[in-house]
């Protein structure tokens, strides 16, 4: 499969998460303060909660329900109660389009 359009880059707010679905996969997109777009799995591994409703702090996204913070770089949880990582996806920017292939996970 090839990368598909997830949203427009202009739809992303700096240091905020946006939930998108690409080919049935829920993904949380974050535009960080350096202008880099990160894509991680949107479901907290501790519970069935959308991470995109959480809080961005630097290069982490914190689950609003349980308080676990996940690295936007590796997908690994940085504190309990979560202990399983979320997937991290490769992001390609083409003009104003944010492209993601949900079948290709970033090698960390």
N, C-alpha and C. Protein backbone atom coordinates (compact mmCIF):
# COMPACT_ATOMS: atom_id res chain seq x y z
N UNK A 1 0.85 -1.17 0.00
CA UNK A 1 0.00 0.00 0.00
C UNK A 1 0.90 1.24 0.00
N UNK A 2 0.39 2.32 -0.52
CA UNK A 2 1.15 3.57 -0.53
C UNK A 2 0.55 4.54 0.48
N UNK A 3 1.32 5.58 0.75
CA UNK A 3 0.87 6.59 1.71
C UNK A 3 -0.40 7.26 1.20
N UNK A 4 -1.29 7.56 2.14
CA UNK A 4 -2.55 8.20 1.81
C UNK A 4 -2.65 9.53 2.54
N UNK A 5 -3.45 10.43 2.01
CA UNK A 5 -3.64 11.73 2.62
C UNK A 5 -4.40 11.57 3.94
N UNK A 6 -3.82 12.07 5.02
CA UNK A 6 -4.46 12.01 6.33
C UNK A 6 -5.21 13.31 6.61
N UNK A 7 -4.60 14.44 6.22
CA UNK A 7 -5.22 15.75 6.39
C UNK A 7 -4.31 16.79 5.73
N UNK A 8 -4.74 18.03 5.78
CA UNK A 8 -3.90 19.12 5.30
C UNK A 8 -2.98 19.56 6.45
N UNK A 9 -1.76 19.91 6.13
CA UNK A 9 -0.82 20.41 7.13
C UNK A 9 -1.40 21.64 7.82
N UNK A 10 -2.11 22.46 7.06
CA UNK A 10 -2.70 23.69 7.61
C UNK A 10 -3.81 23.42 8.62
N UNK A 11 -4.32 22.18 8.68
CA UNK A 11 -5.34 21.80 9.66
C UNK A 11 -4.76 21.51 11.03
N UNK A 12 -3.45 21.33 11.11
CA UNK A 12 -2.81 20.98 12.38
C UNK A 12 -2.44 22.24 13.16
N UNK A 13 -2.70 22.20 14.46
CA UNK A 13 -2.32 23.29 15.35
C UNK A 13 -1.06 22.89 16.09
N UNK A 14 -0.15 23.82 16.25
CA UNK A 14 1.10 23.53 16.93
C UNK A 14 0.84 23.08 18.36
N UNK A 15 1.55 22.03 18.76
CA UNK A 15 1.48 21.46 20.11
C UNK A 15 0.08 21.02 20.51
N UNK A 16 -0.66 20.52 19.54
CA UNK A 16 -1.99 19.95 19.78
C UNK A 16 -2.11 18.68 18.94
N UNK A 17 -2.91 17.75 19.41
CA UNK A 17 -3.11 16.49 18.70
C UNK A 17 -4.40 16.53 17.90
N UNK A 18 -4.38 15.86 16.74
CA UNK A 18 -5.57 15.75 15.89
C UNK A 18 -5.75 14.28 15.54
N UNK A 19 -6.96 13.77 15.74
CA UNK A 19 -7.27 12.38 15.41
C UNK A 19 -7.68 12.30 13.94
N UNK A 20 -7.07 11.36 13.23
CA UNK A 20 -7.44 11.08 11.84
C UNK A 20 -7.58 9.57 11.70
N UNK A 21 -8.25 9.16 10.65
CA UNK A 21 -8.33 7.74 10.34
C UNK A 21 -7.81 7.53 8.93
N UNK A 22 -6.87 6.61 8.79
CA UNK A 22 -6.30 6.29 7.49
C UNK A 22 -6.48 4.80 7.28
N UNK A 23 -7.25 4.45 6.28
CA UNK A 23 -7.52 3.04 5.96
C UNK A 23 -8.01 2.28 7.19
N UNK A 24 -8.87 2.92 7.99
CA UNK A 24 -9.47 2.29 9.15
C UNK A 24 -8.60 2.28 10.40
N UNK A 25 -7.41 2.89 10.33
CA UNK A 25 -6.50 2.94 11.47
C UNK A 25 -6.57 4.32 12.11
N UNK A 26 -6.88 4.37 13.41
CA UNK A 26 -6.94 5.63 14.14
C UNK A 26 -5.52 6.09 14.47
N UNK A 27 -5.21 7.33 14.07
CA UNK A 27 -3.87 7.88 14.24
C UNK A 27 -3.99 9.26 14.86
N UNK A 28 -3.07 9.56 15.76
CA UNK A 28 -2.99 10.88 16.37
C UNK A 28 -1.83 11.62 15.71
N UNK A 29 -2.12 12.78 15.13
CA UNK A 29 -1.10 13.62 14.49
C UNK A 29 -0.76 14.78 15.40
N UNK A 30 0.51 15.10 15.51
CA UNK A 30 0.96 16.23 16.33
C UNK A 30 1.98 17.04 15.53
N UNK A 31 1.74 18.34 15.45
CA UNK A 31 2.70 19.28 14.89
C UNK A 31 3.46 19.88 16.07
N UNK A 32 4.75 19.54 16.19
CA UNK A 32 5.48 20.01 17.36
C UNK A 32 5.99 21.44 17.16
N UNK A 33 6.61 21.98 18.19
CA UNK A 33 7.07 23.37 18.15
C UNK A 33 8.22 23.59 17.18
N UNK A 34 8.85 22.51 16.70
CA UNK A 34 9.91 22.61 15.70
C UNK A 34 9.37 22.49 14.28
N UNK A 35 8.04 22.33 14.15
CA UNK A 35 7.42 22.20 12.83
C UNK A 35 7.40 20.79 12.28
N UNK A 36 7.80 19.80 13.08
CA UNK A 36 7.79 18.41 12.65
C UNK A 36 6.44 17.77 12.97
N UNK A 37 5.94 16.95 12.04
CA UNK A 37 4.67 16.26 12.25
C UNK A 37 4.96 14.82 12.68
N UNK A 38 4.32 14.42 13.77
CA UNK A 38 4.46 13.06 14.30
C UNK A 38 3.13 12.34 14.16
N UNK A 39 3.20 11.03 13.93
CA UNK A 39 1.99 10.21 13.81
C UNK A 39 2.17 8.97 14.69
N UNK A 40 1.28 8.82 15.68
CA UNK A 40 1.32 7.64 16.54
C UNK A 40 -0.08 7.05 16.63
N UNK A 41 -0.15 5.79 17.02
CA UNK A 41 -1.44 5.16 17.22
C UNK A 41 -2.28 5.97 18.19
N UNK A 42 -3.56 6.11 17.92
CA UNK A 42 -4.40 7.01 18.71
C UNK A 42 -4.99 6.37 19.97
N UNK A 43 -4.83 5.09 20.15
CA UNK A 43 -5.46 4.43 21.29
C UNK A 43 -4.44 4.13 22.38
N UNK A 44 -4.71 4.63 23.58
CA UNK A 44 -3.85 4.37 24.74
C UNK A 44 -3.78 2.86 24.97
N UNK A 45 -2.58 2.36 25.22
CA UNK A 45 -2.43 0.92 25.42
C UNK A 45 -2.86 0.47 26.81
N UNK A 46 -3.17 1.41 27.69
CA UNK A 46 -3.67 1.06 29.02
C UNK A 46 -5.18 0.90 29.02
N UNK A 47 -5.86 1.62 28.14
CA UNK A 47 -7.31 1.55 28.05
C UNK A 47 -7.75 2.04 26.69
N UNK A 48 -8.97 1.82 26.36
CA UNK A 48 -9.51 2.18 25.05
C UNK A 48 -9.88 3.67 25.04
N UNK A 49 -8.85 4.53 25.07
CA UNK A 49 -9.04 5.97 25.15
C UNK A 49 -8.26 6.63 24.02
N UNK A 50 -8.87 7.63 23.39
CA UNK A 50 -8.21 8.36 22.31
C UNK A 50 -7.12 9.26 22.85
N UNK A 51 -5.89 9.04 22.39
CA UNK A 51 -4.77 9.87 22.82
C UNK A 51 -4.85 11.29 22.27
N UNK A 52 -5.52 11.46 21.15
CA UNK A 52 -5.60 12.80 20.55
C UNK A 52 -6.41 13.77 21.40
N UNK A 53 -7.12 13.26 22.40
CA UNK A 53 -7.84 14.12 23.33
C UNK A 53 -6.94 14.53 24.50
N UNK A 54 -5.69 14.05 24.46
CA UNK A 54 -4.75 14.31 25.55
C UNK A 54 -3.97 15.59 25.37
N UNK A 55 -2.85 15.66 26.05
CA UNK A 55 -2.07 16.89 26.16
C UNK A 55 -0.68 16.69 25.56
N UNK A 56 -0.27 17.63 24.71
CA UNK A 56 1.06 17.59 24.12
C UNK A 56 1.99 18.40 25.01
N UNK A 57 3.14 17.79 25.32
CA UNK A 57 4.16 18.49 26.10
C UNK A 57 5.51 18.12 25.49
N UNK A 58 6.07 19.03 24.71
CA UNK A 58 7.34 18.76 24.04
C UNK A 58 7.17 17.64 23.03
N UNK A 59 7.90 16.54 23.25
CA UNK A 59 7.80 15.40 22.33
C UNK A 59 7.02 14.24 22.94
N UNK A 60 6.03 14.58 23.80
CA UNK A 60 5.18 13.56 24.39
C UNK A 60 3.71 13.91 24.22
N UNK A 61 2.88 12.87 24.24
CA UNK A 61 1.43 13.01 24.22
C UNK A 61 0.90 12.24 25.42
N UNK A 62 0.22 12.95 26.32
CA UNK A 62 -0.26 12.36 27.57
C UNK A 62 -1.73 11.98 27.46
N UNK A 63 -2.04 10.76 27.88
CA UNK A 63 -3.42 10.28 27.92
C UNK A 63 -4.18 11.07 28.97
N UNK A 64 -5.29 11.66 28.58
CA UNK A 64 -6.08 12.48 29.50
C UNK A 64 -6.74 11.64 30.60
N UNK A 65 -7.00 10.38 30.32
CA UNK A 65 -7.73 9.55 31.28
C UNK A 65 -6.83 8.89 32.32
N UNK A 66 -5.65 8.46 31.90
CA UNK A 66 -4.82 7.67 32.80
C UNK A 66 -3.50 8.33 33.16
N UNK A 67 -3.12 9.38 32.43
CA UNK A 67 -1.89 10.10 32.76
C UNK A 67 -0.62 9.54 32.18
N UNK A 68 -0.69 8.44 31.44
CA UNK A 68 0.53 7.92 30.81
C UNK A 68 0.93 8.84 29.67
N UNK A 69 2.21 9.16 29.60
CA UNK A 69 2.74 9.98 28.51
C UNK A 69 3.48 9.07 27.55
N UNK A 70 3.23 9.26 26.25
CA UNK A 70 3.87 8.45 25.21
C UNK A 70 4.82 9.32 24.40
N UNK A 71 5.99 8.78 24.08
CA UNK A 71 6.95 9.49 23.25
C UNK A 71 6.41 9.58 21.83
N UNK A 72 6.44 10.78 21.26
CA UNK A 72 6.03 10.95 19.87
C UNK A 72 7.09 10.38 18.92
N UNK A 73 8.30 10.18 19.42
CA UNK A 73 9.41 9.67 18.61
C UNK A 73 9.40 8.14 18.56
N UNK A 74 9.22 7.50 19.71
CA UNK A 74 9.32 6.03 19.79
C UNK A 74 8.00 5.32 20.03
N UNK A 75 7.00 6.05 20.52
CA UNK A 75 5.73 5.43 20.88
C UNK A 75 5.73 4.77 22.24
N UNK A 76 6.88 4.76 22.91
CA UNK A 76 6.99 4.10 24.21
C UNK A 76 6.35 4.94 25.31
N UNK A 77 5.68 4.27 26.25
CA UNK A 77 5.15 5.01 27.39
C UNK A 77 6.30 5.41 28.31
N UNK A 78 6.20 6.60 28.87
CA UNK A 78 7.26 7.11 29.72
C UNK A 78 6.94 6.95 31.21
N UNK A 79 5.71 6.54 31.50
CA UNK A 79 5.31 6.32 32.89
C UNK A 79 4.10 5.38 32.92
N UNK A 80 3.84 4.84 34.09
CA UNK A 80 2.69 3.97 34.29
C UNK A 80 1.41 4.79 34.34
N UNK A 81 0.26 4.21 34.09
CA UNK A 81 -0.01 2.78 34.11
C UNK A 81 0.24 2.06 32.79
N UNK A 82 0.42 2.77 31.68
CA UNK A 82 0.68 2.09 30.40
C UNK A 82 2.10 1.52 30.41
N UNK A 83 2.26 0.33 29.81
CA UNK A 83 3.59 -0.24 29.71
C UNK A 83 3.87 -0.77 28.30
N UNK A 84 2.86 -0.78 27.43
CA UNK A 84 3.03 -1.20 26.04
C UNK A 84 3.11 0.05 25.16
N UNK A 85 4.00 0.05 24.15
CA UNK A 85 4.09 1.21 23.26
C UNK A 85 2.94 1.26 22.27
N UNK A 86 2.73 2.44 21.71
CA UNK A 86 1.80 2.61 20.60
C UNK A 86 2.62 2.64 19.32
N UNK A 87 2.03 2.28 18.18
CA UNK A 87 2.80 2.31 16.94
C UNK A 87 3.12 3.75 16.52
N UNK A 88 4.24 3.91 15.84
CA UNK A 88 4.67 5.19 15.29
C UNK A 88 4.74 5.02 13.77
N UNK A 89 4.16 5.96 13.05
CA UNK A 89 4.07 5.85 11.60
C UNK A 89 4.96 6.87 10.91
N UNK A 90 5.42 6.52 9.71
CA UNK A 90 6.21 7.42 8.88
C UNK A 90 5.29 8.48 8.30
N UNK A 91 5.71 9.74 8.39
CA UNK A 91 4.93 10.86 7.87
C UNK A 91 5.68 11.46 6.68
N UNK A 92 4.96 11.72 5.61
CA UNK A 92 5.50 12.41 4.45
C UNK A 92 4.67 13.66 4.22
N UNK A 93 5.33 14.78 3.99
CA UNK A 93 4.64 16.03 3.68
C UNK A 93 4.82 16.30 2.20
N UNK A 94 3.71 16.49 1.50
CA UNK A 94 3.72 16.80 0.06
C UNK A 94 2.90 18.06 -0.14
N UNK A 95 3.57 19.20 -0.22
CA UNK A 95 2.85 20.47 -0.30
C UNK A 95 2.15 20.71 1.02
N UNK A 96 0.80 20.77 0.97
CA UNK A 96 0.01 20.96 2.19
C UNK A 96 -0.61 19.64 2.67
N UNK A 97 -0.26 18.54 2.02
CA UNK A 97 -0.84 17.24 2.38
C UNK A 97 0.07 16.48 3.35
N UNK A 98 -0.54 15.94 4.40
CA UNK A 98 0.14 15.04 5.32
C UNK A 98 -0.22 13.63 4.89
N UNK A 99 0.78 12.85 4.51
CA UNK A 99 0.57 11.50 3.99
C UNK A 99 1.10 10.46 4.97
N UNK A 100 0.33 9.38 5.14
CA UNK A 100 0.71 8.29 6.03
C UNK A 100 0.30 6.97 5.40
N UNK A 101 1.18 5.98 5.51
CA UNK A 101 0.83 4.61 5.16
C UNK A 101 0.66 3.87 6.48
N UNK A 102 -0.58 3.53 6.86
CA UNK A 102 -0.80 2.88 8.17
C UNK A 102 -0.20 1.49 8.27
N UNK A 103 0.26 0.95 7.16
CA UNK A 103 0.88 -0.38 7.18
C UNK A 103 2.40 -0.31 7.36
N UNK A 104 2.96 0.91 7.33
CA UNK A 104 4.40 1.06 7.49
C UNK A 104 4.66 1.78 8.80
N UNK A 105 5.25 1.05 9.72
CA UNK A 105 5.57 1.62 11.03
C UNK A 105 7.03 2.07 11.01
N UNK A 106 7.30 3.13 11.76
CA UNK A 106 8.63 3.68 11.86
C UNK A 106 9.53 2.71 12.60
N UNK A 107 10.74 2.49 12.09
CA UNK A 107 11.72 1.64 12.76
C UNK A 107 12.42 2.48 13.82
N UNK A 108 12.33 2.06 15.06
CA UNK A 108 12.95 2.80 16.16
C UNK A 108 14.10 2.01 16.74
